[in-house]
C-alpha atoms as a PDB file:
ATOM      1  CA  MET A   1      -2.643 -25.821 -25.778  1.00  0.00           C
ATOM      2  CA  ARG A   2      -2.222 -22.021 -24.880  1.00  0.00           C
ATOM      3  CA  ALA A   3      -4.411 -20.612 -21.990  1.00  0.00           C
ATOM      4  CA  ASP A   4      -6.491 -17.391 -22.260  1.00  0.00           C
ATOM      5  CA  LYS A   5      -5.498 -14.519 -20.656  1.00  0.00           C
ATOM      6  CA  GLY A   6      -6.042 -15.049 -16.699  1.00  0.00           C
ATOM      7  CA  ASP A   7      -5.214 -18.748 -17.037  1.00  0.00           C
ATOM      8  CA  VAL A   8      -2.815 -20.686 -15.890  1.00  0.00           C
ATOM      9  CA  VAL A   9      -0.584 -23.619 -17.469  1.00  0.00           C
ATOM     10  CA  HIS A  10       0.475 -26.100 -14.948  1.00  0.00           C
ATOM     11  CA  ASP A  11       3.410 -28.768 -15.811  1.00  0.00           C
ATOM     12  CA  ASN A  12       0.942 -31.160 -16.761  1.00  0.00           C
ATOM     13  CA  GLY A  13      -0.573 -28.637 -19.113  1.00  0.00           C
ATOM     14  CA  ARG A  14      -4.081 -28.101 -17.357  1.00  0.00           C
ATOM     15  CA  GLU A  15      -5.676 -24.866 -17.487  1.00  0.00           C
ATOM     16  CA  GLU A  16      -6.988 -23.511 -14.630  1.00  0.00           C
ATOM     17  CA  ALA A  17      -8.765 -19.961 -13.485  1.00  0.00           C
ATOM     18  CA  MET A  18      -6.230 -18.073 -11.799  1.00  0.00           C
ATOM     19  CA  ASP A  19      -8.398 -17.743  -8.419  1.00  0.00           C
ATOM     20  CA  LEU A  20      -6.438 -16.028  -6.410  1.00  0.00           C
ATOM     21  CA  GLU A  21      -7.672 -17.998  -3.415  1.00  0.00           C
ATOM     22  CA  LEU A  22      -8.747 -14.995  -1.386  1.00  0.00           C
ATOM     23  CA  ALA A  23     -12.508 -15.891  -1.306  1.00  0.00           C
ATOM     24  CA  GLY A  24     -13.587 -15.986   2.857  1.00  0.00           C
ATOM     25  CA  LYS A  25     -10.322 -14.459   3.840  1.00  0.00           C
ATOM     26  CA  THR A  26     -10.064 -11.439   5.894  1.00  0.00           C
ATOM     27  CA  VAL A  27      -8.240  -8.253   4.837  1.00  0.00           C
ATOM     28  CA  LEU A  28      -7.277  -5.354   7.504  1.00  0.00           C
ATOM     29  CA  ILE A  29      -6.216  -1.750   5.491  1.00  0.00           C
ATOM     30  CA  THR A  30      -4.783   1.108   7.228  1.00  0.00           C
ATOM     31  CA  GLY A  31      -5.711   4.134   4.844  1.00  0.00           C
ATOM     32  CA  ALA A  32      -8.606   2.861   3.439  1.00  0.00           C
ATOM     33  CA  SER A  33     -10.691   5.337   3.001  1.00  0.00           C
ATOM     34  CA  LYS A  34      -9.248   7.153  -0.558  1.00  0.00           C
ATOM     35  CA  GLY A  35      -6.699   6.877  -2.840  1.00  0.00           C
ATOM     36  CA  ILE A  36      -4.716   3.299  -2.852  1.00  0.00           C
ATOM     37  CA  GLY A  37      -6.243   1.785   0.269  1.00  0.00           C
ATOM     38  CA  ARG A  38      -9.800   2.585  -0.537  1.00  0.00           C
ATOM     39  CA  ALA A  39      -8.490   0.768  -4.207  1.00  0.00           C
ATOM     40  CA  CYS A  40      -6.923  -2.020  -2.077  1.00  0.00           C
ATOM     41  CA  ALA A  41     -10.397  -2.350  -0.624  1.00  0.00           C
ATOM     42  CA  ASP A  42     -12.126  -2.716  -3.406  1.00  0.00           C
ATOM     43  CA  GLY A  43      -9.775  -5.440  -5.169  1.00  0.00           C
ATOM     44  CA  PHE A  44      -9.789  -7.499  -2.064  1.00  0.00           C
ATOM     45  CA  ALA A  45     -13.492  -7.520  -1.861  1.00  0.00           C
ATOM     46  CA  ALA A  46     -13.805  -7.975  -5.221  1.00  0.00           C
ATOM     47  CA  GLU A  47     -11.970 -11.668  -4.492  1.00  0.00           C
ATOM     48  CA  GLY A  48     -14.920 -12.221  -1.857  1.00  0.00           C
ATOM     49  CA  ALA A  49     -12.768 -11.077   1.340  1.00  0.00           C
ATOM     50  CA  HIS A  50     -13.924  -9.518   4.399  1.00  0.00           C
ATOM     51  CA  LEU A  51     -12.503  -6.127   5.250  1.00  0.00           C
ATOM     52  CA  HIS A  52     -11.037  -4.268   7.923  1.00  0.00           C
ATOM     53  CA  LEU A  53     -11.260  -0.758   7.211  1.00  0.00           C
ATOM     54  CA  VAL A  54      -8.984   1.940   9.214  1.00  0.00           C
ATOM     55  CA  SER A  55      -7.817   5.662   8.513  1.00  0.00           C
ATOM     56  CA  ARG A  56      -8.473   8.862  10.890  1.00  0.00           C
ATOM     57  CA  THR A  57     -11.768  10.090   9.635  1.00  0.00           C
ATOM     58  CA  ALA A  58     -15.375   8.120  10.681  1.00  0.00           C
ATOM     59  CA  ASP A  59     -17.431   9.803   7.955  1.00  0.00           C
ATOM     60  CA  ASP A  60     -14.890   8.923   4.839  1.00  0.00           C
ATOM     61  CA  LEU A  61     -14.434   5.086   6.579  1.00  0.00           C
ATOM     62  CA  GLU A  62     -18.611   4.379   6.599  1.00  0.00           C
ATOM     63  CA  ARG A  63     -19.260   6.115   2.896  1.00  0.00           C
ATOM     64  CA  ALA A  64     -16.430   3.605   1.592  1.00  0.00           C
ATOM     65  CA  ALA A  65     -17.453   1.003   3.660  1.00  0.00           C
ATOM     66  CA  GLY A  66     -21.358   0.876   2.556  1.00  0.00           C
ATOM     67  CA  GLU A  67     -20.083   1.722  -1.095  1.00  0.00           C
ATOM     68  CA  ILE A  68     -18.354  -1.601  -1.091  1.00  0.00           C
ATOM     69  CA  ARG A  69     -21.075  -3.957   1.016  1.00  0.00           C
ATOM     70  CA  ASP A  70     -23.661  -2.421  -1.360  1.00  0.00           C
ATOM     71  CA  ARG A  71     -21.288  -3.349  -4.539  1.00  0.00           C
ATOM     72  CA  PHE A  72     -19.303  -6.722  -3.454  1.00  0.00           C
ATOM     73  CA  GLN A  73     -21.850  -8.013  -0.959  1.00  0.00           C
ATOM     74  CA  VAL A  74     -18.992  -8.595   1.842  1.00  0.00           C
ATOM     75  CA  SER A  75     -18.805  -8.071   5.373  1.00  0.00           C
ATOM     76  CA  VAL A  76     -16.945  -4.607   6.151  1.00  0.00           C
ATOM     77  CA  THR A  77     -15.922  -3.186   9.679  1.00  0.00           C
ATOM     78  CA  THR A  78     -14.430   0.046   9.837  1.00  0.00           C
ATOM     79  CA  HIS A  79     -12.346   1.617  13.248  1.00  0.00           C
ATOM     80  CA  ALA A  80     -11.884   5.574  12.682  1.00  0.00           C
ATOM     81  CA  ARG A  81      -8.199   5.676  14.741  1.00  0.00           C
ATOM     82  CA  ASP A  82      -4.740   7.239  14.267  1.00  0.00           C
ATOM     83  CA  LEU A  83      -2.178   5.018  14.207  1.00  0.00           C
ATOM     84  CA  SER A  84       0.449   7.204  15.058  1.00  0.00           C
ATOM     85  CA  ASP A  85      -0.127   6.664  18.416  1.00  0.00           C
ATOM     86  CA  SER A  86       0.867   3.333  19.485  1.00  0.00           C
ATOM     87  CA  ALA A  87      -2.112   2.731  22.190  1.00  0.00           C
ATOM     88  CA  ASN A  88      -4.655   3.143  18.865  1.00  0.00           C
ATOM     89  CA  VAL A  89      -2.987   0.378  17.188  1.00  0.00           C
ATOM     90  CA  ASP A  90      -2.680  -1.930  20.687  1.00  0.00           C
ATOM     91  CA  ALA A  91      -6.874  -1.317  20.832  1.00  0.00           C
ATOM     92  CA  LEU A  92      -7.122  -1.869  17.111  1.00  0.00           C
ATOM     93  CA  PHE A  93      -5.528  -5.400  17.109  1.00  0.00           C
ATOM     94  CA  GLU A  94      -7.383  -6.203  20.332  1.00  0.00           C
ATOM     95  CA  ALA A  95     -10.579  -6.019  17.994  1.00  0.00           C
ATOM     96  CA  THR A  96      -8.868  -7.935  14.905  1.00  0.00           C
ATOM     97  CA  SER A  97      -6.081  -9.720  15.956  1.00  0.00           C
ATOM     98  CA  ASP A  98      -7.670 -13.105  13.652  1.00  0.00           C
ATOM     99  CA  ILE A  99      -7.042 -11.460  10.591  1.00  0.00           C
ATOM    100  CA  ASP A 100      -5.366 -13.379   7.633  1.00  0.00           C
ATOM    101  CA  ILE A 101      -3.796 -10.159   5.563  1.00  0.00           C
ATOM    102  CA  LEU A 102      -2.429  -6.896   6.628  1.00  0.00           C
ATOM    103  CA  VAL A 103      -1.788  -4.240   4.183  1.00  0.00           C
ATOM    104  CA  ASN A 104      -0.008  -1.022   5.698  1.00  0.00           C
ATOM    105  CA  ASN A 105      -0.709   2.296   3.465  1.00  0.00           C
ATOM    106  CA  ALA A 106      -1.296   4.813   6.235  1.00  0.00           C
ATOM    107  CA  GLY A 107       0.426   8.202   6.058  1.00  0.00           C
ATOM    108  CA  ALA A 108       2.494  10.655   3.379  1.00  0.00           C
ATOM    109  CA  ILE A 109       5.823  11.946   4.339  1.00  0.00           C
ATOM    110  CA  PRO A 110       5.610  16.112   3.045  1.00  0.00           C
ATOM    111  CA  GLY A 111       8.210  16.725   0.351  1.00  0.00           C
ATOM    112  CA  GLY A 112      11.224  19.446   1.726  1.00  0.00           C
ATOM    113  CA  SER A 113      14.822  20.099   2.307  1.00  0.00           C
ATOM    114  CA  ILE A 114      16.127  19.444   5.677  1.00  0.00           C
ATOM    115  CA  ASP A 115      15.893  23.010   6.278  1.00  0.00           C
ATOM    116  CA  LYS A 116      12.669  23.168   4.995  1.00  0.00           C
ATOM    117  CA  ILE A 117      10.901  20.132   7.387  1.00  0.00           C
ATOM    118  CA  ASP A 118      11.283  20.540  10.993  1.00  0.00           C
ATOM    119  CA  GLU A 119      11.922  18.318  13.701  1.00  0.00           C
ATOM    120  CA  ALA A 120       8.210  18.330  14.937  1.00  0.00           C
ATOM    121  CA  THR A 121       6.909  18.018  11.257  1.00  0.00           C
ATOM    122  CA  TRP A 122       9.045  15.155  10.934  1.00  0.00           C
ATOM    123  CA  ARG A 123       8.340  12.736  13.886  1.00  0.00           C
ATOM    124  CA  ALA A 124       4.637  13.557  12.907  1.00  0.00           C
ATOM    125  CA  ALA A 125       5.295  11.517   9.434  1.00  0.00           C
ATOM    126  CA  TRP A 126       7.683   9.088  10.911  1.00  0.00           C
ATOM    127  CA  ASP A 127       4.994   8.314  13.773  1.00  0.00           C
ATOM    128  CA  LEU A 128       2.287   7.789  11.983  1.00  0.00           C
ATOM    129  CA  LYS A 129       4.040   6.025   8.406  1.00  0.00           C
ATOM    130  CA  VAL A 130       7.261   4.395   9.715  1.00  0.00           C
ATOM    131  CA  PHE A 131       6.711   3.670  13.031  1.00  0.00           C
ATOM    132  CA  GLY A 132       2.795   3.168  12.214  1.00  0.00           C
ATOM    133  CA  TYR A 133       4.212   0.007   9.937  1.00  0.00           C
ATOM    134  CA  ILE A 134       6.649  -0.957  12.883  1.00  0.00           C
ATOM    135  CA  ASN A 135       4.048  -1.229  15.859  1.00  0.00           C
ATOM    136  CA  MET A 136       1.287  -2.712  13.446  1.00  0.00           C
ATOM    137  CA  THR A 137       3.842  -5.377  12.159  1.00  0.00           C
ATOM    138  CA  ARG A 138       5.117  -5.905  15.357  1.00  0.00           C
ATOM    139  CA  ARG A 139       1.442  -6.130  16.844  1.00  0.00           C
ATOM    140  CA  TYR A 140      -0.003  -8.844  14.030  1.00  0.00           C
ATOM    141  CA  ILE A 141       2.618 -10.825  13.381  1.00  0.00           C
ATOM    142  CA  ALA A 142       3.537 -12.506  16.447  1.00  0.00           C
ATOM    143  CA  ALA A 143      -0.595 -13.766  16.009  1.00  0.00           C
ATOM    144  CA  MET A 144       0.240 -14.857  12.742  1.00  0.00           C
ATOM    145  CA  LYS A 145       3.220 -16.835  13.907  1.00  0.00           C
ATOM    146  CA  GLU A 146       1.502 -18.070  16.607  1.00  0.00           C
ATOM    147  CA  ARG A 147      -1.196 -19.529  13.834  1.00  0.00           C
ATOM    148  CA  GLY A 148       1.390 -20.725  11.476  1.00  0.00           C
ATOM    149  CA  HIS A 149       0.041 -18.053   8.144  1.00  0.00           C
ATOM    150  CA  GLY A 150      -0.542 -15.016   7.169  1.00  0.00           C
ATOM    151  CA  VAL A 151       0.648 -11.739   4.706  1.00  0.00           C
ATOM    152  CA  ILE A 152       1.735  -8.268   5.542  1.00  0.00           C
ATOM    153  CA  VAL A 153       2.111  -6.024   2.612  1.00  0.00           C
ATOM    154  CA  ASN A 154       3.552  -2.613   3.018  1.00  0.00           C
ATOM    155  CA  ASP A 155       2.994   0.184   0.889  1.00  0.00           C
ATOM    156  CA  ILE A 156       6.079   2.188   0.851  1.00  0.00           C
ATOM    157  CA  GLY A 157       7.433   4.185  -2.239  1.00  0.00           C
ATOM    158  CA  THR A 158      10.215   4.844  -4.746  1.00  0.00           C
ATOM    159  CA  GLY A 159      11.443   7.999  -2.522  1.00  0.00           C
ATOM    160  CA  GLY A 160      13.457   5.116   0.012  1.00  0.00           C
ATOM    161  CA  ASP A 161      15.117   3.759  -3.215  1.00  0.00           C
ATOM    162  CA  ARG A 162      15.413   7.243  -5.403  1.00  0.00           C
ATOM    163  CA  VAL A 163      16.700   9.462  -2.602  1.00  0.00           C
ATOM    164  CA  ASP A 164      15.736  13.729  -3.062  1.00  0.00           C
ATOM    165  CA  TYR A 165      17.628  15.833  -1.324  1.00  0.00           C
ATOM    166  CA  ASP A 166      14.160  17.716  -1.719  1.00  0.00           C
ATOM    167  CA  TYR A 167      11.952  14.506  -0.189  1.00  0.00           C
ATOM    168  CA  ILE A 168      15.004  14.376   2.638  1.00  0.00           C
ATOM    169  CA  ALA A 169      12.212  12.802   5.534  1.00  0.00           C
ATOM    170  CA  GLY A 170      10.351  10.635   3.193  1.00  0.00           C
ATOM    171  CA  ALA A 171      13.530   9.211   1.397  1.00  0.00           C
ATOM    172  CA  GLY A 172      14.994   8.461   5.144  1.00  0.00           C
ATOM    173  CA  GLY A 173      11.422   7.130   6.126  1.00  0.00           C
ATOM    174  CA  ASN A 174      10.916   5.036   2.841  1.00  0.00           C
ATOM    175  CA  ALA A 175      14.645   3.544   3.253  1.00  0.00           C
ATOM    176  CA  SER A 176      13.954   2.389   6.801  1.00  0.00           C
ATOM    177  CA  LEU A 177      10.614   0.468   6.049  1.00  0.00           C
ATOM    178  CA  MET A 178      11.982  -0.838   2.955  1.00  0.00           C
ATOM    179  CA  ALA A 179      14.934  -2.313   4.615  1.00  0.00           C
ATOM    180  CA  PHE A 180      12.583  -3.485   7.497  1.00  0.00           C
ATOM    181  CA  THR A 181      10.146  -5.567   5.356  1.00  0.00           C
ATOM    182  CA  ARG A 182      13.475  -7.238   4.136  1.00  0.00           C
ATOM    183  CA  ALA A 183      14.800  -8.022   7.100  1.00  0.00           C
ATOM    184  CA  ILE A 184      11.276  -8.978   8.317  1.00  0.00           C
ATOM    185  CA  GLY A 185      10.125 -10.972   5.366  1.00  0.00           C
ATOM    186  CA  GLY A 186      13.402 -13.014   4.952  1.00  0.00           C
ATOM    187  CA  ARG A 187      12.846 -14.880   8.016  1.00  0.00           C
ATOM    188  CA  SER A 188       9.150 -14.731   8.975  1.00  0.00           C
ATOM    189  CA  ILE A 189       8.234 -17.049   5.582  1.00  0.00           C
ATOM    190  CA  HIS A 190       9.889 -20.045   7.648  1.00  0.00           C
ATOM    191  CA  PHE A 191       7.273 -19.546  10.368  1.00  0.00           C
ATOM    192  CA  GLY A 192       4.424 -18.945   7.832  1.00  0.00           C
ATOM    193  CA  VAL A 193       3.849 -15.704   7.740  1.00  0.00           C
ATOM    194  CA  ARG A 194       5.409 -13.515   4.197  1.00  0.00           C
ATOM    195  CA  VAL A 195       6.130 -10.076   4.506  1.00  0.00           C
ATOM    196  CA  LEU A 196       6.399  -8.049   1.190  1.00  0.00           C
ATOM    197  CA  GLY A 197       6.222  -4.406   0.277  1.00  0.00           C
ATOM    198  CA  VAL A 198       5.394  -2.292  -2.734  1.00  0.00           C
ATOM    199  CA  ASN A 199       7.034   0.569  -4.216  1.00  0.00           C
ATOM    200  CA  PRO A 200       4.687   3.074  -6.113  1.00  0.00           C
ATOM    201  CA  GLY A 201       6.174   5.874  -8.118  1.00  0.00           C
ATOM    202  CA  PRO A 202       3.624   8.741  -8.496  1.00  0.00           C
ATOM    203  CA  VAL A 203      -0.274   7.681  -8.150  1.00  0.00           C
ATOM    204  CA  GLU A 204      -2.859   9.416  -9.233  1.00  0.00           C
ATOM    205  CA  THR A 205      -4.495  10.031  -6.319  1.00  0.00           C
ATOM    206  CA  ASP A 206      -7.231  13.283  -5.426  1.00  0.00           C
ATOM    207  CA  ARG A 207      -3.684  14.296  -2.995  1.00  0.00           C
ATOM    208  CA  ILE A 208      -1.255  13.946  -6.024  1.00  0.00           C
ATOM    209  CA  GLN A 209      -3.760  16.114  -8.220  1.00  0.00           C
ATOM    210  CA  THR A 210      -3.821  19.225  -6.057  1.00  0.00           C
ATOM    211  CA  VAL A 211      -0.509  18.888  -5.138  1.00  0.00           C
ATOM    212  CA  MET A 212       0.200  19.080  -9.215  1.00  0.00           C
ATOM    213  CA  ARG A 213      -2.634  21.818  -9.868  1.00  0.00           C
ATOM    214  CA  SER A 214      -0.830  23.795  -7.088  1.00  0.00           C
ATOM    215  CA  LEU A 215       2.691  23.190  -8.709  1.00  0.00           C
ATOM    216  CA  ALA A 216       1.072  24.482 -12.283  1.00  0.00           C
ATOM    217  CA  GLU A 217      -0.326  27.190 -10.549  1.00  0.00           C
ATOM    218  CA  ALA A 218       2.985  28.448  -9.112  1.00  0.00           C
ATOM    219  CA  GLU A 219       5.231  27.702 -12.048  1.00  0.00           C
ATOM    220  CA  PHE A 220       3.025  29.026 -14.926  1.00  0.00           C
ATOM    221  CA  GLY A 221       0.262  30.939 -13.096  1.00  0.00           C
ATOM    222  CA  ASP A 222      -2.066  28.129 -14.634  1.00  0.00           C
ATOM    223  CA  PRO A 223      -3.200  25.287 -12.989  1.00  0.00           C
ATOM    224  CA  GLU A 224      -4.553  23.446 -15.750  1.00  0.00           C
ATOM    225  CA  ARG A 225      -0.841  22.884 -16.861  1.00  0.00           C
ATOM    226  CA  CYS A 226      -0.407  20.329 -14.016  1.00  0.00           C
ATOM    227  CA  SER A 227      -0.899  17.882 -17.254  1.00  0.00           C
ATOM    228  CA  GLU A 228       2.547  18.919 -18.160  1.00  0.00           C
ATOM    229  CA  TYR A 229       4.266  17.245 -15.137  1.00  0.00           C
ATOM    230  CA  TYR A 230       2.436  14.199 -16.581  1.00  0.00           C
ATOM    231  CA  ALA A 231       4.257  14.099 -19.832  1.00  0.00           C
ATOM    232  CA  LYS A 232       7.842  13.561 -18.279  1.00  0.00           C
ATOM    233  CA  TRP A 233       6.333   9.636 -17.133  1.00  0.00           C
ATOM    234  CA  PRO A 234       5.797   6.876 -18.978  1.00  0.00           C
ATOM    235  CA  MET A 235       2.317   6.361 -20.965  1.00  0.00           C
ATOM    236  CA  ASN A 236       2.391  10.513 -19.776  1.00  0.00           C
ATOM    237  CA  ARG A 237       0.445   9.673 -16.570  1.00  0.00           C
ATOM    238  CA  PHE A 238       1.420   8.729 -13.247  1.00  0.00           C
ATOM    239  CA  ALA A 239       0.215   5.304 -12.149  1.00  0.00           C
ATOM    240  CA  LYS A 240      -3.530   5.117 -11.220  1.00  0.00           C
ATOM    241  CA  PRO A 241      -4.609   3.281  -7.477  1.00  0.00           C
ATOM    242  CA  GLU A 242      -6.414   0.542  -9.173  1.00  0.00           C
ATOM    243  CA  GLU A 243      -2.960  -0.621 -11.057  1.00  0.00           C
ATOM    244  CA  VAL A 244      -1.297  -0.478  -7.326  1.00  0.00           C
ATOM    245  CA  ALA A 245      -4.371  -1.962  -5.630  1.00  0.00           C
ATOM    246  CA  ASP A 246      -3.913  -5.286  -8.231  1.00  0.00           C
ATOM    247  CA  LEU A 247      -0.464  -5.733  -7.517  1.00  0.00           C
ATOM    248  CA  ILE A 248      -1.063  -5.718  -3.666  1.00  0.00           C
ATOM    249  CA  VAL A 249      -4.140  -8.298  -4.071  1.00  0.00           C
ATOM    250  CA  PHE A 250      -1.822 -10.531  -6.030  1.00  0.00           C
ATOM    251  CA  LEU A 251       1.085 -10.386  -3.683  1.00  0.00           C
ATOM    252  CA  ALA A 252      -1.405 -10.903  -1.047  1.00  0.00           C
ATOM    253  CA  SER A 253      -2.850 -13.971  -2.759  1.00  0.00           C
ATOM    254  CA  ALA A 254      -1.818 -17.902  -2.180  1.00  0.00           C
ATOM    255  CA  ARG A 255      -0.296 -17.078  -5.926  1.00  0.00           C
ATOM    256  CA  ALA A 256       2.360 -15.084  -4.501  1.00  0.00           C
ATOM    257  CA  SER A 257       3.115 -17.783  -1.942  1.00  0.00           C
ATOM    258  CA  TYR A 258       6.904 -17.855  -2.983  1.00  0.00           C
ATOM    259  CA  ILE A 259       7.469 -14.058  -2.289  1.00  0.00           C
ATOM    260  CA  SER A 260       8.467 -12.143   1.184  1.00  0.00           C
ATOM    261  CA  GLY A 261      11.322 -10.546   2.180  1.00  0.00           C
ATOM    262  CA  THR A 262      11.349  -8.608  -1.609  1.00  0.00           C
ATOM    263  CA  ILE A 263       9.649  -4.928  -2.812  1.00  0.00           C
ATOM    264  CA  VAL A 264       8.197  -4.706  -6.298  1.00  0.00           C
ATOM    265  CA  THR A 265       8.362  -1.364  -8.003  1.00  0.00           C
ATOM    266  CA  LEU A 266       5.529   0.071  -9.752  1.00  0.00           C
ATOM    267  CA  ASP A 267       6.517   2.922 -12.015  1.00  0.00           C
ATOM    268  CA  GLY A 268       6.324   2.296 -15.170  1.00  0.00           C
ATOM    269  CA  GLY A 269      10.168   2.014 -15.540  1.00  0.00           C
ATOM    270  CA  LYS A 270      10.539   5.347 -15.044  1.00  0.00           C
ATOM    271  CA  HIS A 271      13.658   5.090 -12.399  1.00  0.00           C
ATOM    272  CA  SER A 272      15.173   1.846 -14.950  1.00  0.00           C
ATOM    273  CA  ASP A 273      15.412   4.280 -17.904  1.00  0.00           C
ATOM    274  CA  ASN A 274      18.677   5.637 -17.888  1.00  0.00           C
ATOM    275  CA  SER A 275      17.851   8.195 -20.855  1.00  0.00           C
ATOM    276  CA  THR A 276      15.588  10.259 -18.571  1.00  0.00           C
ATOM    277  CA  LEU A 277      17.927  10.475 -15.972  1.00  0.00           C
END
């Protein structure tokens, strides 16, 4: 008998609902007040998981936390910390060492060629995203290993796979995180901890919309023509934050228990279509 959408048919023919087994789990999400991080918070909360939300802005965090509590009736704790400072990583770990799932999502590396990105800008971006992910993984994976279970999902980006002269700092940083994720996750599963990553292409966040409107203003003199940039992508749009979050939630769940040390790309097939290169 064919299963309805959302069901899984096992070898014995029995149908079961797609229970992600996340209810009651505790999830820490960085960069959680907006964009992909906020969508992840909603996604995990909808599955009954309790949350620790981290970003640099306390007001944004509290607003997000209040909305999530009201909608999903789960526990939400906020932590306003700048994770580019490793001392803040240490303090955060002391308060949240018993989490089940870590989603590293904080940080956006600016675009520009090597002559446009000075050392200070480059280092600041890498301190938050590259070293932030590394330091967070270093602290939490040790505790997860000791307990014999845990999941770490790194939200990285296709810039590390499809390298671009005009995104040189992001290309180098994302490529480093891809290698880091594969190397850690290829071994960590042997002690019960999965480490994996997702590589979204452009995602329709508020930040990206602002960038697209600015580009259209500069190129066409009309910010409303930003839709012309979307037309170059599958389905005439970028990915939605919720689509990235759905993938992250699934990968963190028991339904993905044999996936570790790998990176999953989410770009609508853009970079697999040779006709668009």
